[in-house]
Amino acid sequence: MQTAIVLHDRFTALDAVGPYEMLGRLPGAETVFVAERTGPVRADTGQLALIADRTLADVPRPDIVVVPGGPEQTLPTRNEALLEWLRTADAASTWTTSVCTGSLLLAAAGLLRGRRAASHWLSLDGLTPYGARPTGDRVVLDGKYVTAAGVSAGIDMGLTLLGRIAGDAYARAVQLMTEYDPQPPYDAGAPHKAPGDLVDRMRARFTPARSR
């Protein structure tokens, strides 16, 4: 089994690394980072890069596709080379997945039309113009499509998919050995939990202007 994690300019690092830590532990599986060109690809902060060892053309038929997100205003939703690769890879994949705003790239490729999908809470409305059905759930399974909410939800997505592929017992073992036992010091990790004034400030500051 081959998992391809797609790197694009200004991706969000944990969107890629979270699923990597879970799905990279599939027994006998190969995990590869792919991009339009091999070499380092910078994350959205500009301070961290991951290495793409293979080009998109090198990996035409992965079993699992993982698409990380990034700031919505810089997402390559009009990059036809990337979108065409997503369509081609999806035609052969067993699972096609995304984290955060990565679902907007799947949607832009036409893969989520009529399907339920998650995204970052600030970007859920961006799914609608592509015909997807946005939901605020943390991890959404709709057929072979698995989409996760913002950033940290990619760990949950990877663990969920790990259980589907390798079984619950194996997924629990990975959860234990990675000591994935979230105990955040604050209960503000979703808009319905965070203080209203904080949600309003974040919405005013980060909601992208959309023109499609």
N, C-alpha and C. Protein backbone atom coordinates (compact mmCIF):
# COMPACT_ATOMS: atom_id res chain seq x y z
N MET A 1 0.85 -1.20 0.00
CA MET A 1 0.00 0.00 0.00
C MET A 1 0.88 1.24 0.00
N GLN A 2 0.52 2.20 -0.83
CA GLN A 2 1.29 3.44 -0.94
C GLN A 2 0.42 4.63 -0.56
N THR A 3 0.93 5.46 0.33
CA THR A 3 0.26 6.68 0.73
C THR A 3 1.02 7.87 0.16
N ALA A 4 0.34 8.73 -0.56
CA ALA A 4 0.97 9.93 -1.12
C ALA A 4 0.44 11.16 -0.39
N ILE A 5 1.33 11.90 0.26
CA ILE A 5 0.97 13.14 0.93
C ILE A 5 1.42 14.28 0.02
N VAL A 6 0.45 15.08 -0.39
CA VAL A 6 0.71 16.11 -1.40
C VAL A 6 1.20 17.39 -0.73
N LEU A 7 2.34 17.87 -1.17
CA LEU A 7 2.87 19.14 -0.67
C LEU A 7 2.65 20.22 -1.72
N HIS A 8 2.11 21.34 -1.28
CA HIS A 8 1.94 22.49 -2.16
C HIS A 8 2.45 23.72 -1.41
N ASP A 9 2.79 24.74 -2.15
CA ASP A 9 3.38 25.92 -1.52
C ASP A 9 2.46 26.49 -0.45
N ARG A 10 3.02 26.72 0.75
CA ARG A 10 2.32 27.29 1.90
C ARG A 10 1.28 26.34 2.50
N PHE A 11 1.56 25.03 2.41
CA PHE A 11 0.74 24.07 3.12
C PHE A 11 0.93 24.27 4.63
N THR A 12 -0.02 23.79 5.42
CA THR A 12 0.12 23.85 6.87
C THR A 12 0.81 22.58 7.36
N ALA A 13 1.88 22.74 8.12
CA ALA A 13 2.77 21.62 8.43
C ALA A 13 2.05 20.47 9.13
N LEU A 14 1.27 20.76 10.17
CA LEU A 14 0.63 19.67 10.92
C LEU A 14 -0.42 18.95 10.08
N ASP A 15 -0.99 19.64 9.10
CA ASP A 15 -1.93 18.98 8.19
C ASP A 15 -1.28 17.78 7.50
N ALA A 16 0.01 17.89 7.22
CA ALA A 16 0.74 16.81 6.55
C ALA A 16 1.37 15.86 7.56
N VAL A 17 1.96 16.41 8.61
CA VAL A 17 2.73 15.59 9.55
C VAL A 17 1.81 14.76 10.45
N GLY A 18 0.65 15.30 10.84
CA GLY A 18 -0.27 14.53 11.67
C GLY A 18 -0.68 13.22 11.02
N PRO A 19 -1.24 13.25 9.80
CA PRO A 19 -1.57 12.00 9.12
C PRO A 19 -0.34 11.12 8.86
N TYR A 20 0.79 11.75 8.57
CA TYR A 20 2.02 10.97 8.36
C TYR A 20 2.35 10.12 9.57
N GLU A 21 2.23 10.69 10.77
CA GLU A 21 2.57 9.96 11.98
C GLU A 21 1.63 8.78 12.21
N MET A 22 0.39 8.89 11.77
CA MET A 22 -0.56 7.79 11.93
C MET A 22 -0.45 6.80 10.77
N LEU A 23 -0.64 7.27 9.55
CA LEU A 23 -0.68 6.38 8.39
C LEU A 23 0.69 5.82 8.04
N GLY A 24 1.75 6.52 8.45
CA GLY A 24 3.09 6.02 8.20
C GLY A 24 3.41 4.77 8.99
N ARG A 25 2.53 4.40 9.92
CA ARG A 25 2.73 3.20 10.73
C ARG A 25 1.93 2.01 10.23
N LEU A 26 1.30 2.14 9.07
CA LEU A 26 0.63 1.00 8.47
C LEU A 26 1.65 -0.09 8.14
N PRO A 27 1.41 -1.30 8.57
CA PRO A 27 2.40 -2.36 8.31
C PRO A 27 2.57 -2.61 6.82
N GLY A 28 3.82 -2.62 6.38
CA GLY A 28 4.14 -2.91 5.00
C GLY A 28 3.82 -1.81 4.01
N ALA A 29 3.45 -0.63 4.52
CA ALA A 29 3.06 0.45 3.62
C ALA A 29 4.22 1.40 3.35
N GLU A 30 4.15 2.11 2.24
CA GLU A 30 5.13 3.13 1.87
C GLU A 30 4.44 4.49 1.90
N THR A 31 5.05 5.44 2.57
CA THR A 31 4.52 6.81 2.60
C THR A 31 5.48 7.73 1.87
N VAL A 32 4.98 8.48 0.90
CA VAL A 32 5.82 9.36 0.12
C VAL A 32 5.24 10.78 0.13
N PHE A 33 6.13 11.75 0.16
CA PHE A 33 5.73 13.14 -0.01
C PHE A 33 5.94 13.51 -1.47
N VAL A 34 4.89 14.03 -2.10
CA VAL A 34 4.95 14.34 -3.52
C VAL A 34 4.59 15.81 -3.75
N ALA A 35 5.13 16.37 -4.82
CA ALA A 35 4.85 17.75 -5.20
C ALA A 35 5.07 17.89 -6.70
N GLU A 36 4.81 19.05 -7.24
CA GLU A 36 5.03 19.24 -8.67
C GLU A 36 6.49 19.06 -9.03
N ARG A 37 7.38 19.47 -8.11
CA ARG A 37 8.82 19.29 -8.30
C ARG A 37 9.41 18.69 -7.03
N THR A 38 10.45 17.92 -7.16
CA THR A 38 11.11 17.38 -5.99
C THR A 38 11.88 18.49 -5.27
N GLY A 39 12.17 18.24 -3.99
CA GLY A 39 12.92 19.21 -3.22
C GLY A 39 12.08 19.79 -2.10
N PRO A 40 12.62 20.78 -1.39
CA PRO A 40 11.91 21.35 -0.24
C PRO A 40 10.69 22.16 -0.67
N VAL A 41 9.62 22.03 0.11
CA VAL A 41 8.41 22.82 -0.09
C VAL A 41 8.13 23.53 1.23
N ARG A 42 7.99 24.84 1.17
CA ARG A 42 7.84 25.65 2.38
C ARG A 42 6.40 25.60 2.92
N ALA A 43 6.30 25.48 4.22
CA ALA A 43 5.01 25.54 4.88
C ALA A 43 4.54 26.99 4.98
N ASP A 44 3.33 27.19 5.51
CA ASP A 44 2.74 28.53 5.49
C ASP A 44 3.49 29.56 6.32
N THR A 45 4.25 29.12 7.31
CA THR A 45 5.04 30.08 8.09
C THR A 45 6.28 30.56 7.37
N GLY A 46 6.71 29.81 6.38
CA GLY A 46 7.95 30.12 5.68
C GLY A 46 9.19 29.67 6.41
N GLN A 47 9.03 29.14 7.62
CA GLN A 47 10.18 28.76 8.45
C GLN A 47 10.46 27.27 8.44
N LEU A 48 9.56 26.49 7.91
CA LEU A 48 9.70 25.04 7.90
C LEU A 48 9.46 24.54 6.50
N ALA A 49 10.23 23.53 6.10
CA ALA A 49 10.02 22.92 4.79
C ALA A 49 10.03 21.40 4.96
N LEU A 50 9.24 20.72 4.15
CA LEU A 50 9.31 19.27 4.02
C LEU A 50 9.85 18.96 2.63
N ILE A 51 10.48 17.80 2.51
CA ILE A 51 11.11 17.42 1.25
C ILE A 51 10.18 16.53 0.44
N ALA A 52 9.88 16.94 -0.77
CA ALA A 52 9.17 16.07 -1.71
C ALA A 52 10.21 15.22 -2.43
N ASP A 53 10.16 13.93 -2.20
CA ASP A 53 11.13 13.03 -2.83
C ASP A 53 10.69 12.60 -4.22
N ARG A 54 9.40 12.80 -4.53
CA ARG A 54 8.91 12.38 -5.84
C ARG A 54 7.97 13.45 -6.39
N THR A 55 7.92 13.50 -7.70
CA THR A 55 6.98 14.41 -8.35
C THR A 55 5.60 13.76 -8.43
N LEU A 56 4.60 14.58 -8.71
CA LEU A 56 3.26 14.04 -8.92
C LEU A 56 3.27 12.99 -10.02
N ALA A 57 4.01 13.25 -11.09
CA ALA A 57 4.05 12.30 -12.20
C ALA A 57 4.67 10.97 -11.81
N ASP A 58 5.55 10.99 -10.80
CA ASP A 58 6.19 9.76 -10.35
C ASP A 58 5.24 8.84 -9.59
N VAL A 59 4.14 9.40 -9.10
CA VAL A 59 3.23 8.64 -8.24
C VAL A 59 1.81 8.79 -8.78
N PRO A 60 1.49 8.10 -9.87
CA PRO A 60 0.19 8.31 -10.51
C PRO A 60 -0.96 7.55 -9.87
N ARG A 61 -0.67 6.47 -9.10
CA ARG A 61 -1.74 5.60 -8.61
C ARG A 61 -1.53 5.23 -7.14
N PRO A 62 -1.47 6.18 -6.24
CA PRO A 62 -1.33 5.83 -4.82
C PRO A 62 -2.62 5.19 -4.30
N ASP A 63 -2.47 4.37 -3.28
CA ASP A 63 -3.65 3.75 -2.65
C ASP A 63 -4.38 4.75 -1.77
N ILE A 64 -3.62 5.63 -1.11
CA ILE A 64 -4.19 6.64 -0.23
C ILE A 64 -3.64 8.00 -0.66
N VAL A 65 -4.52 8.95 -0.86
CA VAL A 65 -4.13 10.33 -1.16
C VAL A 65 -4.44 11.19 0.06
N VAL A 66 -3.47 11.96 0.51
CA VAL A 66 -3.67 12.89 1.63
C VAL A 66 -3.35 14.30 1.14
N VAL A 67 -4.32 15.20 1.26
CA VAL A 67 -4.13 16.57 0.80
C VAL A 67 -4.20 17.52 1.99
N PRO A 68 -3.08 18.08 2.41
CA PRO A 68 -3.11 19.07 3.49
C PRO A 68 -3.66 20.40 2.99
N GLY A 69 -4.08 21.23 3.94
CA GLY A 69 -4.57 22.55 3.58
C GLY A 69 -3.51 23.62 3.76
N GLY A 70 -3.96 24.83 3.86
CA GLY A 70 -3.11 26.00 4.04
C GLY A 70 -4.02 27.21 4.05
N PRO A 71 -3.45 28.41 4.13
CA PRO A 71 -4.28 29.62 4.10
C PRO A 71 -5.14 29.62 2.84
N GLU A 72 -6.43 29.86 3.02
CA GLU A 72 -7.35 29.72 1.87
C GLU A 72 -6.98 30.65 0.73
N GLN A 73 -6.48 31.84 1.05
CA GLN A 73 -6.19 32.80 -0.01
C GLN A 73 -4.99 32.40 -0.86
N THR A 74 -4.18 31.44 -0.41
CA THR A 74 -3.03 31.00 -1.20
C THR A 74 -3.19 29.57 -1.72
N LEU A 75 -4.33 28.95 -1.48
CA LEU A 75 -4.51 27.58 -1.96
C LEU A 75 -4.47 27.53 -3.49
N PRO A 76 -3.81 26.52 -4.04
CA PRO A 76 -3.71 26.42 -5.51
C PRO A 76 -4.96 25.81 -6.13
N THR A 77 -6.13 26.43 -5.88
CA THR A 77 -7.39 25.88 -6.38
C THR A 77 -7.56 26.05 -7.88
N ARG A 78 -6.66 26.81 -8.50
CA ARG A 78 -6.73 26.97 -9.96
C ARG A 78 -5.50 26.36 -10.64
N ASN A 79 -4.74 25.58 -9.89
CA ASN A 79 -3.56 24.91 -10.45
C ASN A 79 -4.03 23.64 -11.17
N GLU A 80 -4.21 23.74 -12.46
CA GLU A 80 -4.82 22.64 -13.20
C GLU A 80 -3.95 21.39 -13.20
N ALA A 81 -2.62 21.55 -13.14
CA ALA A 81 -1.75 20.38 -13.09
C ALA A 81 -2.01 19.58 -11.82
N LEU A 82 -2.13 20.28 -10.69
CA LEU A 82 -2.42 19.60 -9.43
C LEU A 82 -3.82 19.01 -9.43
N LEU A 83 -4.80 19.77 -9.90
CA LEU A 83 -6.18 19.29 -9.90
C LEU A 83 -6.33 18.06 -10.80
N GLU A 84 -5.65 18.06 -11.94
CA GLU A 84 -5.74 16.91 -12.84
C GLU A 84 -5.08 15.69 -12.21
N TRP A 85 -3.96 15.90 -11.49
CA TRP A 85 -3.35 14.77 -10.79
C TRP A 85 -4.30 14.22 -9.74
N LEU A 86 -4.97 15.10 -9.00
CA LEU A 86 -5.91 14.63 -7.98
C LEU A 86 -7.01 13.79 -8.63
N ARG A 87 -7.52 14.21 -9.78
CA ARG A 87 -8.57 13.44 -10.45
C ARG A 87 -8.04 12.07 -10.88
N THR A 88 -6.83 12.07 -11.45
CA THR A 88 -6.24 10.82 -11.92
C THR A 88 -5.95 9.88 -10.76
N ALA A 89 -5.33 10.42 -9.70
CA ALA A 89 -5.01 9.59 -8.55
C ALA A 89 -6.27 9.07 -7.89
N ASP A 90 -7.29 9.91 -7.81
CA ASP A 90 -8.54 9.51 -7.18
C ASP A 90 -9.22 8.38 -7.95
N ALA A 91 -9.06 8.35 -9.24
CA ALA A 91 -9.69 7.30 -10.04
C ALA A 91 -9.20 5.91 -9.66
N ALA A 92 -7.99 5.83 -9.11
CA ALA A 92 -7.42 4.53 -8.74
C ALA A 92 -7.28 4.34 -7.24
N SER A 93 -7.48 5.38 -6.45
CA SER A 93 -7.20 5.29 -5.02
C SER A 93 -8.26 4.46 -4.29
N THR A 94 -7.83 3.91 -3.17
CA THR A 94 -8.76 3.25 -2.26
C THR A 94 -9.39 4.27 -1.32
N TRP A 95 -8.57 5.25 -0.91
CA TRP A 95 -9.02 6.32 -0.02
C TRP A 95 -8.47 7.64 -0.54
N THR A 96 -9.31 8.66 -0.56
CA THR A 96 -8.89 10.01 -0.90
C THR A 96 -9.25 10.90 0.29
N THR A 97 -8.25 11.57 0.85
CA THR A 97 -8.45 12.26 2.13
C THR A 97 -7.89 13.68 2.09
N SER A 98 -8.33 14.46 3.07
CA SER A 98 -7.81 15.82 3.20
C SER A 98 -7.85 16.25 4.65
N VAL A 99 -7.09 17.28 4.94
CA VAL A 99 -7.08 17.90 6.27
C VAL A 99 -7.30 19.39 6.08
N CYS A 100 -8.13 19.98 6.95
CA CYS A 100 -8.34 21.42 6.96
C CYS A 100 -8.83 21.88 5.58
N THR A 101 -8.25 22.94 5.05
CA THR A 101 -8.70 23.47 3.76
C THR A 101 -8.26 22.62 2.58
N GLY A 102 -7.57 21.52 2.84
CA GLY A 102 -7.26 20.59 1.76
C GLY A 102 -8.52 20.09 1.07
N SER A 103 -9.65 20.08 1.81
CA SER A 103 -10.90 19.65 1.18
C SER A 103 -11.32 20.60 0.07
N LEU A 104 -10.91 21.87 0.15
CA LEU A 104 -11.23 22.80 -0.94
C LEU A 104 -10.51 22.41 -2.23
N LEU A 105 -9.32 21.83 -2.09
CA LEU A 105 -8.61 21.37 -3.29
C LEU A 105 -9.30 20.14 -3.88
N LEU A 106 -9.74 19.22 -3.02
CA LEU A 106 -10.50 18.08 -3.53
C LEU A 106 -11.79 18.55 -4.19
N ALA A 107 -12.44 19.53 -3.57
CA ALA A 107 -13.68 20.05 -4.12
C ALA A 107 -13.44 20.76 -5.45
N ALA A 108 -12.35 21.53 -5.53
CA ALA A 108 -12.03 22.24 -6.77
C ALA A 108 -11.74 21.27 -7.91
N ALA A 109 -11.26 20.07 -7.55
CA ALA A 109 -11.01 19.04 -8.57
C ALA A 109 -12.29 18.31 -8.95
N GLY A 110 -13.41 18.66 -8.31
CA GLY A 110 -14.69 18.04 -8.64
C GLY A 110 -14.96 16.73 -7.95
N LEU A 111 -14.20 16.43 -6.90
CA LEU A 111 -14.29 15.12 -6.27
C LEU A 111 -15.30 15.05 -5.13
N LEU A 112 -15.77 16.20 -4.65
CA LEU A 112 -16.66 16.18 -3.49
C LEU A 112 -18.07 16.65 -3.83
N ARG A 113 -18.40 16.73 -5.09
CA ARG A 113 -19.74 17.19 -5.46
C ARG A 113 -20.81 16.27 -4.89
N GLY A 114 -21.73 16.85 -4.13
CA GLY A 114 -22.81 16.08 -3.54
C GLY A 114 -22.41 15.32 -2.29
N ARG A 115 -21.16 15.44 -1.86
CA ARG A 115 -20.69 14.69 -0.71
C ARG A 115 -20.57 15.59 0.53
N ARG A 116 -20.72 14.99 1.70
CA ARG A 116 -20.48 15.69 2.95
C ARG A 116 -18.96 15.85 3.12
N ALA A 117 -18.54 16.98 3.66
CA ALA A 117 -17.11 17.22 3.81
C ALA A 117 -16.84 18.17 4.96
N ALA A 118 -15.69 17.99 5.58
CA ALA A 118 -15.22 18.87 6.65
C ALA A 118 -14.16 19.80 6.10
N SER A 119 -13.88 20.84 6.86
CA SER A 119 -12.80 21.77 6.55
C SER A 119 -12.55 22.59 7.80
N HIS A 120 -11.62 23.52 7.74
CA HIS A 120 -11.47 24.45 8.85
C HIS A 120 -12.78 25.22 9.02
N TRP A 121 -13.15 25.52 10.25
CA TRP A 121 -14.46 26.15 10.49
C TRP A 121 -14.62 27.49 9.78
N LEU A 122 -13.50 28.19 9.56
CA LEU A 122 -13.58 29.47 8.85
C LEU A 122 -13.77 29.30 7.34
N SER A 123 -13.54 28.08 6.85
CA SER A 123 -13.55 27.87 5.40
C SER A 123 -14.67 26.94 4.93
N LEU A 124 -15.56 26.56 5.84
CA LEU A 124 -16.64 25.64 5.45
C LEU A 124 -17.48 26.19 4.31
N ASP A 125 -17.74 27.51 4.33
CA ASP A 125 -18.56 28.10 3.27
C ASP A 125 -17.90 28.00 1.90
N GLY A 126 -16.59 27.85 1.89
CA GLY A 126 -15.88 27.74 0.62
C GLY A 126 -16.15 26.44 -0.11
N LEU A 127 -16.71 25.45 0.57
CA LEU A 127 -17.02 24.17 -0.08
C LEU A 127 -18.27 24.26 -0.94
N THR A 128 -19.21 25.11 -0.54
CA THR A 128 -20.51 25.14 -1.18
C THR A 128 -20.47 25.46 -2.67
N PRO A 129 -19.66 26.45 -3.13
CA PRO A 129 -19.65 26.74 -4.57
C PRO A 129 -19.20 25.56 -5.43
N TYR A 130 -18.51 24.60 -4.83
CA TYR A 130 -18.05 23.43 -5.57
C TYR A 130 -19.04 22.27 -5.49
N GLY A 131 -20.18 22.50 -4.85
CA GLY A 131 -21.20 21.45 -4.79
C GLY A 131 -21.04 20.48 -3.65
N ALA A 132 -20.09 20.71 -2.75
CA ALA A 132 -19.93 19.85 -1.58
C ALA A 132 -20.91 20.28 -0.49
N ARG A 133 -21.11 19.41 0.48
CA ARG A 133 -22.04 19.67 1.57
C ARG A 133 -21.25 19.83 2.86
N PRO A 134 -20.96 21.06 3.29
CA PRO A 134 -20.09 21.27 4.44
C PRO A 134 -20.73 20.81 5.74
N THR A 135 -19.90 20.26 6.62
CA THR A 135 -20.33 19.85 7.94
C THR A 135 -19.27 20.22 8.95
N GLY A 136 -19.71 20.55 10.16
CA GLY A 136 -18.77 20.93 11.21
C GLY A 136 -18.20 19.76 11.97
N ASP A 137 -18.45 18.53 11.52
CA ASP A 137 -17.87 17.36 12.20
C ASP A 137 -16.35 17.38 12.09
N ARG A 138 -15.71 16.73 13.05
CA ARG A 138 -14.24 16.74 13.07
C ARG A 138 -13.64 15.84 11.98
N VAL A 139 -14.23 14.68 11.79
CA VAL A 139 -13.80 13.77 10.72
C VAL A 139 -15.06 13.28 10.01
N VAL A 140 -15.08 13.35 8.70
CA VAL A 140 -16.24 12.96 7.91
C VAL A 140 -15.85 11.87 6.92
N LEU A 141 -16.56 10.75 6.95
CA LEU A 141 -16.40 9.69 5.97
C LEU A 141 -17.61 9.68 5.07
N ASP A 142 -17.39 9.78 3.77
CA ASP A 142 -18.44 9.70 2.78
C ASP A 142 -17.92 8.84 1.64
N GLY A 143 -18.27 7.58 1.66
CA GLY A 143 -17.68 6.65 0.71
C GLY A 143 -16.20 6.49 1.00
N LYS A 144 -15.38 6.63 -0.03
CA LYS A 144 -13.94 6.50 0.17
C LYS A 144 -13.28 7.83 0.52
N TYR A 145 -14.08 8.87 0.67
CA TYR A 145 -13.55 10.20 0.96
C TYR A 145 -13.58 10.47 2.46
N VAL A 146 -12.43 10.85 3.00
CA VAL A 146 -12.30 11.13 4.43
C VAL A 146 -11.73 12.53 4.56
N THR A 147 -12.51 13.44 5.10
CA THR A 147 -12.06 14.82 5.25
C THR A 147 -12.06 15.19 6.73
N ALA A 148 -11.11 16.01 7.10
CA ALA A 148 -10.95 16.39 8.51
C ALA A 148 -11.08 17.90 8.65
N ALA A 149 -11.46 18.32 9.84
CA ALA A 149 -11.54 19.75 10.16
C ALA A 149 -10.13 20.32 10.29
N GLY A 150 -10.00 21.44 10.96
CA GLY A 150 -8.74 22.18 10.95
C GLY A 150 -7.56 21.51 11.61
N VAL A 151 -6.45 21.54 10.95
CA VAL A 151 -5.08 21.28 11.43
C VAL A 151 -4.95 20.04 12.32
N SER A 152 -5.22 20.17 13.61
CA SER A 152 -5.00 19.05 14.53
C SER A 152 -5.91 17.88 14.23
N ALA A 153 -7.03 18.11 13.54
CA ALA A 153 -7.96 17.03 13.21
C ALA A 153 -7.35 16.02 12.26
N GLY A 154 -6.24 16.37 11.63
CA GLY A 154 -5.58 15.42 10.74
C GLY A 154 -5.07 14.20 11.48
N ILE A 155 -4.72 14.35 12.76
CA ILE A 155 -4.31 13.20 13.56
C ILE A 155 -5.49 12.26 13.75
N ASP A 156 -6.65 12.84 14.07
CA ASP A 156 -7.86 12.02 14.23
C ASP A 156 -8.23 11.34 12.92
N MET A 157 -8.10 12.05 11.81
CA MET A 157 -8.40 11.46 10.51
C MET A 157 -7.49 10.28 10.23
N GLY A 158 -6.19 10.48 10.46
CA GLY A 158 -5.24 9.40 10.21
C GLY A 158 -5.51 8.19 11.08
N LEU A 159 -5.84 8.43 12.34
CA LEU A 159 -6.11 7.33 13.26
C LEU A 159 -7.41 6.62 12.88
N THR A 160 -8.43 7.39 12.47
CA THR A 160 -9.68 6.80 12.01
C THR A 160 -9.45 5.89 10.82
N LEU A 161 -8.69 6.38 9.85
CA LEU A 161 -8.42 5.59 8.64
C LEU A 161 -7.55 4.39 8.97
N LEU A 162 -6.63 4.56 9.88
CA LEU A 162 -5.79 3.43 10.30
C LEU A 162 -6.66 2.30 10.84
N GLY A 163 -7.66 2.64 11.65
CA GLY A 163 -8.56 1.63 12.17
C GLY A 163 -9.35 0.94 11.07
N ARG A 164 -9.79 1.70 10.06
CA ARG A 164 -10.54 1.11 8.96
C ARG A 164 -9.69 0.12 8.16
N ILE A 165 -8.40 0.43 8.03
CA ILE A 165 -7.53 -0.39 7.18
C ILE A 165 -6.91 -1.56 7.96
N ALA A 166 -6.36 -1.25 9.12
CA ALA A 166 -5.59 -2.27 9.87
C ALA A 166 -6.35 -2.84 11.05
N GLY A 167 -7.53 -2.30 11.35
CA GLY A 167 -8.32 -2.82 12.45
C GLY A 167 -8.20 -1.97 13.71
N ASP A 168 -9.23 -2.05 14.54
CA ASP A 168 -9.27 -1.24 15.74
C ASP A 168 -8.13 -1.54 16.70
N ALA A 169 -7.78 -2.81 16.84
CA ALA A 169 -6.73 -3.18 17.79
C ALA A 169 -5.40 -2.55 17.40
N TYR A 170 -5.11 -2.58 16.10
CA TYR A 170 -3.85 -2.00 15.64
C TYR A 170 -3.86 -0.48 15.82
N ALA A 171 -5.00 0.14 15.50
CA ALA A 171 -5.09 1.60 15.66
C ALA A 171 -4.94 1.99 17.13
N ARG A 172 -5.51 1.21 18.02
CA ARG A 172 -5.36 1.51 19.45
C ARG A 172 -3.90 1.39 19.87
N ALA A 173 -3.19 0.42 19.30
CA ALA A 173 -1.78 0.25 19.63
C ALA A 173 -0.97 1.46 19.17
N VAL A 174 -1.28 1.96 17.98
CA VAL A 174 -0.59 3.16 17.48
C VAL A 174 -0.93 4.36 18.35
N GLN A 175 -2.19 4.48 18.74
CA GLN A 175 -2.57 5.58 19.62
C GLN A 175 -1.80 5.53 20.93
N LEU A 176 -1.65 4.33 21.47
CA LEU A 176 -0.92 4.19 22.72
C LEU A 176 0.56 4.51 22.55
N MET A 177 1.18 3.99 21.49
CA MET A 177 2.61 4.18 21.32
C MET A 177 2.97 5.61 20.91
N THR A 178 2.03 6.31 20.30
CA THR A 178 2.27 7.74 20.02
C THR A 178 1.79 8.60 21.19
N GLU A 179 1.24 7.96 22.20
CA GLU A 179 0.71 8.63 23.40
C GLU A 179 -0.23 9.77 23.00
N TYR A 180 -1.11 9.45 22.07
CA TYR A 180 -2.08 10.45 21.63
C TYR A 180 -3.24 10.47 22.63
N ASP A 181 -3.15 11.35 23.58
CA ASP A 181 -4.10 11.44 24.68
C ASP A 181 -4.35 12.92 24.97
N PRO A 182 -5.05 13.61 24.06
CA PRO A 182 -5.17 15.07 24.17
C PRO A 182 -5.80 15.52 25.49
N GLN A 183 -5.14 16.42 26.14
CA GLN A 183 -5.65 17.03 27.36
C GLN A 183 -5.31 18.52 27.34
N PRO A 184 -5.93 19.27 26.44
CA PRO A 184 -5.56 20.69 26.29
C PRO A 184 -5.89 21.49 27.54
N PRO A 185 -5.10 22.52 27.79
CA PRO A 185 -5.33 23.34 28.98
C PRO A 185 -6.55 24.24 28.85
N TYR A 186 -7.08 24.38 27.64
CA TYR A 186 -8.25 25.23 27.40
C TYR A 186 -9.29 24.45 26.60
N ASP A 187 -10.54 24.80 26.78
CA ASP A 187 -11.61 24.16 26.03
C ASP A 187 -12.16 25.16 25.02
N ALA A 188 -11.27 25.56 24.09
CA ALA A 188 -11.64 26.58 23.10
C ALA A 188 -11.25 26.13 21.70
N GLY A 189 -11.27 24.82 21.46
CA GLY A 189 -10.77 24.30 20.20
C GLY A 189 -11.78 24.23 19.08
N ALA A 190 -12.99 24.71 19.31
CA ALA A 190 -14.02 24.73 18.26
C ALA A 190 -14.87 25.97 18.48
N PRO A 191 -15.47 26.51 17.40
CA PRO A 191 -16.19 27.78 17.55
C PRO A 191 -17.37 27.70 18.50
N HIS A 192 -17.98 26.53 18.64
CA HIS A 192 -19.11 26.43 19.56
C HIS A 192 -18.68 26.30 21.01
N LYS A 193 -17.38 26.15 21.25
CA LYS A 193 -16.85 26.06 22.61
C LYS A 193 -16.12 27.33 23.04
N ALA A 194 -15.52 28.02 22.09
CA ALA A 194 -14.71 29.19 22.41
C ALA A 194 -15.60 30.38 22.78
N PRO A 195 -15.06 31.33 23.55
CA PRO A 195 -15.83 32.54 23.86
C PRO A 195 -16.27 33.25 22.59
N GLY A 196 -17.49 33.78 22.59
CA GLY A 196 -18.04 34.40 21.40
C GLY A 196 -17.21 35.55 20.86
N ASP A 197 -16.64 36.37 21.77
CA ASP A 197 -15.86 37.51 21.31
C ASP A 197 -14.58 37.05 20.62
N LEU A 198 -14.02 35.91 21.08
CA LEU A 198 -12.82 35.37 20.44
C LEU A 198 -13.15 34.85 19.05
N VAL A 199 -14.26 34.15 18.93
CA VAL A 199 -14.69 33.66 17.62
C VAL A 199 -14.89 34.82 16.66
N ASP A 200 -15.52 35.87 17.14
CA ASP A 200 -15.77 37.04 16.28
C ASP A 200 -14.46 37.69 15.83
N ARG A 201 -13.49 37.78 16.73
CA ARG A 201 -12.20 38.40 16.37
C ARG A 201 -11.47 37.56 15.32
N MET A 202 -11.47 36.23 15.53
CA MET A 202 -10.79 35.37 14.57
C MET A 202 -11.50 35.38 13.22
N ARG A 203 -12.82 35.43 13.26
CA ARG A 203 -13.56 35.48 12.00
C ARG A 203 -13.27 36.78 11.25
N ALA A 204 -13.24 37.90 11.96
CA ALA A 204 -12.97 39.19 11.34
C ALA A 204 -11.54 39.25 10.78
N ARG A 205 -10.63 38.59 11.47
CA ARG A 205 -9.22 38.68 11.07
C ARG A 205 -8.87 37.72 9.94
N PHE A 206 -9.44 36.53 9.95
CA PHE A 206 -8.97 35.48 9.04
C PHE A 206 -9.96 35.04 7.98
N THR A 207 -11.22 35.45 8.02
CA THR A 207 -12.16 35.01 7.01
C THR A 207 -11.72 35.54 5.65
N PRO A 208 -11.50 34.64 4.68
CA PRO A 208 -11.02 35.11 3.37
C PRO A 208 -12.13 35.73 2.54
N ALA A 209 -11.75 36.67 1.69
CA ALA A 209 -12.69 37.20 0.71
C ALA A 209 -12.70 36.25 -0.48
N ARG A 210 -13.88 35.78 -0.85
CA ARG A 210 -13.97 34.80 -1.92
C ARG A 210 -14.61 35.44 -3.15
N SER A 211 -14.02 35.15 -4.30
CA SER A 211 -14.61 35.59 -5.55
C SER A 211 -14.41 34.48 -6.58
N ARG A 212 -15.44 33.68 -6.75
CA ARG A 212 -15.35 32.58 -7.71
C ARG A 212 -16.47 32.73 -8.72
